[in-house]
Structure formats: C-alpha cells, structure tokens
Amino acid sequence: MSTILTVNDSDWSSTVADKAVLVLFSNGDGVRGDFTTQFKKSAAEKNNITFLQLDPSKNPETAAAYNLGDKPIMAALYKGELLTRRQKPWGSDVILAIDLLESKLAEEKAASAAVTTEKPDEDVSEERNPEENVIVSDGKPFVVTDNTFQAEVIDYSNDTPVLVDFWAEWCGPCRMVAPIMEKMAEEFAGQIRVAKVDTDANPGLSQAFQIRSIPTIMAFKDGKLVFNQPGAFPEEAFRDLIKQLIDLEIPEDEGEEEPQQ
C-alpha cells in the first residue's frame, strides 16, 4: 500500500528525479473534499506512482520554482518533467493525471522491452513496412500540454486523426462534454485519438489558437487543423464529426502557397 509522503525543499529534487509523481502543493486550505478522497484512495491503490504533498508557505524554493501561491495545486511529474498541473483540483483530475503518468510508464516499459528483445544481428536500418506500424490506443482521452501538443497531437495526426477538447475546471459546459469524450475515445479506440487540453494550465496553446470560448473542439488530420468550433455538442454530433474525420481525405500540398495563419 502506498502512502502520501510529505516533502520539503531539501529533498524535493531527489524525490522526483526518477519517479512518476503526483503531488499536492497546499497549506491545507481550500482543498476540495472529493479531491482529498480520490487522492488518498489512489495513493492506497497505485504502487507505481509516488504520492507527495508539500506546503509552499514553508518551502519557498519549490514555491518559486513552480510559481506556487495560496491556492492548492496538483501536479503530475515524470522523472522531474512537469506533465500537467491543476489549480483547485477535483477528484476527476486525479484520475486523468494518473492516466497520463501510467501512459508514460507504459511507454518506457515498451521501449525497454524493445531494446532487450532486439536481435544483435538485426539490420535496424532496414526500412519498415508501413503496415507494421500498428496504432495502439487505450481507449481513454489523452492529456496534452503546451510542451507535448506538437508531438502528441499535430505529429500524431499524421498517422491517426486527433480530436481535441479545450476545457477548464470551472467551465460548466465542459463537464457536460467530458463524459461524451470519454465514450468517444472508447468507441473509436484505434481509429482516432481523443486529447484534452486544460486552457488554464496551458496558456501557450490558448494564445496560439486564440481560444476565446470553451469548450472548443478541434480536429487534426495529416498534421493539419481541419475543424475548429466552440460549443458543447450532443453525443450524436460528436459521433458524426468523428466519422467524417476518419473518412476525410486531405489533398497533398502543392507547395505554391504558405499555409494561412
């Protein structure tokens, strides 16, 4: 059974350096009850993730490094890299963060297995058959950030279409869309990726795409933005959109004009 460890400035770096970590930055005030319940429950169940708590008011170095204030913040880190953070988090944010961390752990495990099983005399320079590039999906929305959007959405869409939900925790309509996105991710697993972007935690993307209303739904295919519309759509509208996205054929660039910004 895992426990929630209390850390401070002196042991912060060494604790998070080589682990999958979910941490609550808080002095104890303003933490939601459903978050506390889920955080403790997950800490008891997840032995592959280290659960931490740190009081920013007593640890100024860490507070300055992560721009922490009085409001509680949950953050997920993988080997010291910040993957996502949530201000005044809900219990559902714990689940999404754990999915993200476990995805990272699975990727590393798969990469390690590939290295150990590779034959010494295998010609790794040999060109792979495109049919061997199997798309794997766990049927859940994938959390992306300012730092990972290019690789996990735009580049990823060259192989698999990506539907992106731009949302925020305070947004009522976003909470209506969230379970639909979960359902679509499971229903169309292997055919599309469903991604989620917290606009509050990722201001760079909000500015780049000029997000003025949420939820905003975007779709990418072959590295191109092909759909962009704000609003909470009904389930059937999402299903129709995804089917059109899968069937959509993107014409090859002729290279005569620069793409419009």
Protein backbone atom coordinates (compact mmCIF):
# COMPACT_ATOMS: atom_id res chain seq x y z
CA MET A 1 0.00 0.00 0.00
CA SER A 2 1.37 3.41 -1.00
CA THR A 3 1.34 6.37 1.36
CA ILE A 4 1.32 10.13 0.84
CA LEU A 5 4.78 11.44 1.67
CA THR A 6 5.41 14.93 2.96
CA VAL A 7 8.45 16.52 1.32
CA ASN A 8 10.30 19.83 1.58
CA ASP A 9 12.82 21.95 -0.30
CA SER A 10 15.79 19.85 0.81
CA ASP A 11 14.54 16.52 -0.54
CA TRP A 12 12.24 17.65 -3.37
CA SER A 13 14.67 17.24 -6.27
CA SER A 14 15.97 13.84 -5.20
CA THR A 15 12.44 12.55 -4.58
CA VAL A 16 11.01 13.45 -8.00
CA ALA A 17 14.13 12.89 -10.11
CA ASP A 18 13.48 9.31 -11.19
CA LYS A 19 9.83 8.64 -10.39
CA ALA A 20 6.27 9.06 -11.60
CA VAL A 21 4.93 11.57 -9.09
CA LEU A 22 1.55 13.06 -8.23
CA VAL A 23 1.91 15.93 -5.77
CA LEU A 24 -0.43 18.26 -3.92
CA PHE A 25 1.03 21.71 -3.30
CA SER A 26 -1.07 23.13 -0.46
CA ASN A 27 -1.00 24.59 3.03
CA GLY A 28 -4.21 22.69 3.75
CA ASP A 29 -6.67 25.45 2.90
CA GLY A 30 -9.17 25.30 0.05
CA VAL A 31 -8.65 21.65 -0.92
CA ARG A 32 -11.84 20.12 -2.31
CA GLY A 33 -13.29 17.18 -0.42
CA ASP A 34 -13.72 14.98 -3.49
CA PHE A 35 -10.08 15.59 -4.42
CA THR A 36 -8.86 14.58 -0.95
CA THR A 37 -10.91 11.38 -1.07
CA GLN A 38 -9.67 10.38 -4.54
CA PHE A 39 -6.07 11.38 -3.81
CA LYS A 40 -5.95 9.17 -0.70
CA LYS A 41 -7.77 6.31 -2.45
CA SER A 42 -5.39 6.39 -5.41
CA ALA A 43 -2.35 6.56 -3.13
CA ALA A 44 -3.52 3.35 -1.47
CA GLU A 45 -4.08 1.60 -4.81
CA LYS A 46 -1.28 2.78 -7.10
CA ASN A 47 2.11 1.35 -6.17
CA ASN A 48 3.70 2.52 -9.43
CA ILE A 49 3.18 6.21 -8.61
CA THR A 50 4.65 8.23 -5.74
CA PHE A 51 2.14 10.50 -4.00
CA LEU A 52 3.53 13.60 -2.32
CA GLN A 53 2.40 16.72 -0.50
CA LEU A 54 4.35 19.93 0.00
CA ASP A 55 3.41 23.13 1.80
CA PRO A 56 4.51 26.08 -0.40
CA SER A 57 4.34 28.51 2.54
CA LYS A 58 7.11 26.56 4.29
CA ASN A 59 9.18 25.73 1.20
CA PRO A 60 9.98 28.93 -0.71
CA GLU A 61 12.46 27.39 -3.16
CA THR A 62 9.98 24.90 -4.56
CA ALA A 63 7.21 27.51 -4.42
CA ALA A 64 9.30 29.87 -6.55
CA ALA A 65 10.34 27.13 -8.99
CA TYR A 66 6.73 26.15 -9.71
CA ASN A 67 5.14 29.60 -9.27
CA LEU A 68 3.00 28.43 -6.36
CA GLY A 69 0.64 30.64 -4.39
CA ASP A 70 -2.03 30.21 -1.74
CA LYS A 71 -4.41 28.11 -3.86
CA PRO A 72 -3.97 24.32 -3.85
CA ILE A 73 -2.36 22.90 -6.97
CA MET A 74 -2.00 19.28 -8.07
CA ALA A 75 0.85 18.44 -10.42
CA ALA A 76 1.97 15.31 -12.23
CA LEU A 77 5.68 14.88 -12.91
CA TYR A 78 7.58 12.14 -14.66
CA LYS A 79 11.28 11.94 -13.78
CA GLY A 80 11.25 15.63 -12.90
CA GLU A 81 9.36 16.73 -16.03
CA LEU A 82 6.11 18.58 -15.36
CA LEU A 83 3.36 16.89 -17.38
CA THR A 84 0.30 18.73 -16.11
CA ARG A 85 -0.94 20.86 -13.24
CA ARG A 86 -4.40 21.73 -11.91
CA GLN A 87 -5.37 24.64 -9.70
CA LYS A 88 -8.01 23.78 -7.07
CA PRO A 89 -8.22 20.24 -8.47
CA TRP A 90 -11.24 17.96 -8.45
CA GLY A 91 -11.25 14.22 -7.82
CA SER A 92 -11.60 13.58 -11.56
CA ASP A 93 -8.33 15.45 -12.13
CA VAL A 94 -6.52 12.81 -10.07
CA ILE A 95 -7.77 10.08 -12.41
CA LEU A 96 -6.73 11.99 -15.54
CA ALA A 97 -3.28 12.70 -14.10
CA ILE A 98 -2.79 9.04 -13.18
CA ASP A 99 -3.76 8.00 -16.72
CA LEU A 100 -1.10 10.37 -18.05
CA LEU A 101 1.58 9.06 -15.69
CA GLU A 102 0.73 5.42 -16.37
CA SER A 103 0.89 6.13 -20.09
CA LYS A 104 4.44 7.40 -19.61
CA LEU A 105 5.34 4.35 -17.55
CA ALA A 106 3.93 2.05 -20.22
CA GLU A 107 5.86 3.84 -22.96
CA GLU A 108 9.11 3.42 -21.06
CA LYS A 109 8.40 -0.23 -20.35
CA ALA A 110 7.64 -0.88 -24.01
CA ALA A 111 10.81 0.91 -25.11
CA SER A 112 12.88 -1.07 -22.64
CA ALA A 113 11.34 -4.34 -23.82
CA ALA A 114 12.07 -3.45 -27.44
CA VAL A 115 15.75 -2.89 -26.65
CA THR A 116 16.19 -6.12 -24.71
CA THR A 117 14.42 -8.27 -27.30
CA GLU A 118 16.15 -6.81 -30.35
CA LYS A 119 18.36 -9.33 -32.14
CA PRO A 120 22.06 -8.36 -32.21
CA ASP A 121 22.43 -9.14 -35.92
CA GLU A 122 19.20 -7.46 -36.94
CA ASP A 123 19.60 -4.73 -39.55
CA VAL A 124 17.80 -1.90 -37.75
CA SER A 125 18.40 0.41 -40.70
CA GLU A 126 16.10 -1.68 -42.87
CA GLU A 127 13.01 0.26 -43.92
CA ARG A 128 9.88 -0.89 -42.11
CA ASN A 129 6.74 -1.97 -43.83
CA PRO A 130 4.11 0.77 -43.25
CA GLU A 131 1.59 -1.96 -42.49
CA GLU A 132 3.69 -2.92 -39.44
CA ASN A 133 3.11 0.46 -37.80
CA VAL A 134 0.16 -0.59 -35.67
CA ILE A 135 -1.68 2.20 -33.88
CA VAL A 136 -2.25 1.46 -30.22
CA SER A 137 -4.92 3.21 -28.16
CA ASP A 138 -6.03 2.58 -24.60
CA GLY A 139 -9.50 3.98 -25.30
CA LYS A 140 -9.15 6.96 -22.97
CA PRO A 141 -8.70 10.71 -23.56
CA PHE A 142 -5.03 11.64 -23.69
CA VAL A 143 -3.92 14.69 -21.67
CA VAL A 144 -1.65 17.04 -23.62
CA THR A 145 0.17 20.23 -22.62
CA ASP A 146 1.94 23.21 -24.15
CA ASN A 147 5.10 21.09 -24.27
CA THR A 148 3.58 17.91 -25.73
CA PHE A 149 0.95 19.26 -28.15
CA GLN A 150 3.19 19.27 -31.22
CA ALA A 151 4.23 15.63 -30.79
CA GLU A 152 1.06 14.15 -29.32
CA VAL A 153 -1.49 15.99 -31.48
CA ILE A 154 -0.09 17.55 -34.66
CA ASP A 155 2.63 14.99 -35.40
CA TYR A 156 0.48 12.11 -34.13
CA SER A 157 -2.32 13.12 -36.54
CA ASN A 158 -0.09 12.15 -39.48
CA ASP A 159 -0.91 8.54 -38.57
CA THR A 160 -4.19 8.85 -36.66
CA PRO A 161 -6.79 11.65 -36.60
CA VAL A 162 -6.90 13.58 -33.31
CA LEU A 163 -9.96 15.21 -31.72
CA VAL A 164 -9.02 17.85 -29.12
CA ASP A 165 -11.17 19.16 -26.29
CA PHE A 166 -10.03 22.53 -24.91
CA TRP A 167 -11.59 22.83 -21.44
CA ALA A 168 -11.19 24.26 -17.92
CA GLU A 169 -12.25 23.03 -14.49
CA TRP A 170 -14.58 25.97 -13.82
CA CYS A 171 -16.47 25.51 -17.12
CA GLY A 172 -19.94 24.00 -16.69
CA PRO A 173 -20.48 23.02 -20.35
CA CYS A 174 -17.05 21.36 -20.32
CA ARG A 175 -18.30 18.96 -17.67
CA MET A 176 -21.17 18.03 -19.98
CA VAL A 177 -18.72 17.28 -22.79
CA ALA A 178 -16.21 15.30 -20.68
CA PRO A 179 -18.20 12.02 -20.39
CA ILE A 180 -19.01 12.16 -24.11
CA MET A 181 -15.33 12.48 -24.95
CA GLU A 182 -14.60 9.51 -22.67
CA LYS A 183 -17.23 7.48 -24.52
CA MET A 184 -15.95 8.50 -27.97
CA ALA A 185 -12.38 7.61 -27.01
CA GLU A 186 -13.51 4.11 -26.10
CA GLU A 187 -15.92 3.69 -29.01
CA PHE A 188 -13.39 4.76 -31.66
CA ALA A 189 -10.25 3.36 -29.99
CA GLY A 190 -7.61 2.62 -32.62
CA GLN A 191 -9.30 4.88 -35.18
CA ILE A 192 -8.78 8.27 -33.54
CA ARG A 193 -7.08 9.80 -30.53
CA VAL A 194 -9.13 11.96 -28.18
CA ALA A 195 -6.98 14.59 -26.48
CA LYS A 196 -7.74 17.07 -23.69
CA VAL A 197 -6.11 20.47 -23.07
CA ASP A 198 -6.67 22.41 -19.84
CA THR A 199 -6.66 26.01 -21.07
CA ASP A 200 -5.80 27.42 -17.63
CA ALA A 201 -2.75 25.20 -17.26
CA ASN A 202 -1.62 25.69 -20.88
CA PRO A 203 -1.83 29.40 -21.76
CA GLY A 204 0.55 28.97 -24.69
CA LEU A 205 -1.92 26.82 -26.60
CA SER A 206 -4.83 29.06 -25.65
CA GLN A 207 -2.97 32.02 -27.12
CA ALA A 208 -1.69 30.18 -30.18
CA PHE A 209 -5.17 29.00 -31.17
CA GLN A 210 -6.89 32.17 -29.90
CA ILE A 211 -9.24 30.23 -27.62
CA ARG A 212 -11.92 32.70 -26.52
CA SER A 213 -14.71 30.31 -25.57
CA ILE A 214 -14.72 26.86 -24.02
CA PRO A 215 -15.25 24.12 -24.61
CA THR A 216 -13.64 24.47 -28.02
CA ILE A 217 -13.37 21.35 -30.14
CA MET A 218 -10.64 20.97 -32.76
CA ALA A 219 -9.73 18.14 -35.10
CA PHE A 220 -6.37 17.41 -36.73
CA LYS A 221 -5.52 15.06 -39.57
CA ASP A 222 -2.30 14.66 -41.56
CA GLY A 223 -0.76 17.37 -39.41
CA LYS A 224 -3.44 19.92 -40.33
CA LEU A 225 -6.20 21.62 -38.37
CA VAL A 226 -9.40 20.57 -40.18
CA PHE A 227 -12.10 21.53 -37.66
CA ASN A 228 -12.36 24.31 -35.08
CA GLN A 229 -15.59 25.24 -33.32
CA PRO A 230 -16.59 26.26 -29.77
CA GLY A 231 -19.58 24.72 -28.05
CA ALA A 232 -20.88 21.69 -26.18
CA PHE A 233 -22.17 19.34 -28.87
CA PRO A 234 -24.57 16.45 -28.27
CA GLU A 235 -23.19 12.93 -28.40
CA GLU A 236 -24.52 12.15 -31.88
CA ALA A 237 -22.91 15.31 -33.28
CA PHE A 238 -19.54 14.17 -31.93
CA ARG A 239 -20.05 10.73 -33.42
CA ASP A 240 -20.87 12.19 -36.85
CA LEU A 241 -17.87 14.52 -36.64
CA ILE A 242 -15.53 11.64 -35.82
CA LYS A 243 -16.83 9.50 -38.68
CA GLN A 244 -16.32 12.39 -41.10
CA LEU A 245 -12.84 12.96 -39.68
CA ILE A 246 -11.89 9.32 -40.21
CA ASP A 247 -13.16 9.35 -43.81
CA LEU A 248 -11.70 12.76 -44.64
CA GLU A 249 -9.05 12.79 -47.37
CA ILE A 250 -6.51 15.58 -47.15
CA PRO A 251 -5.17 16.75 -50.54
CA GLU A 252 -1.41 16.84 -50.89
CA ASP A 253 0.22 20.25 -50.59
CA GLU A 254 1.24 21.70 -53.93
CA GLY A 255 3.86 23.84 -52.27
CA GLU A 256 2.87 27.01 -54.10
CA GLU A 257 1.50 28.96 -51.16
CA GLU A 258 2.31 29.26 -47.49
CA PRO A 259 -0.45 27.95 -45.21
CA GLN A 260 -2.69 30.63 -43.75
CA GLN A 261 -2.17 31.51 -40.12
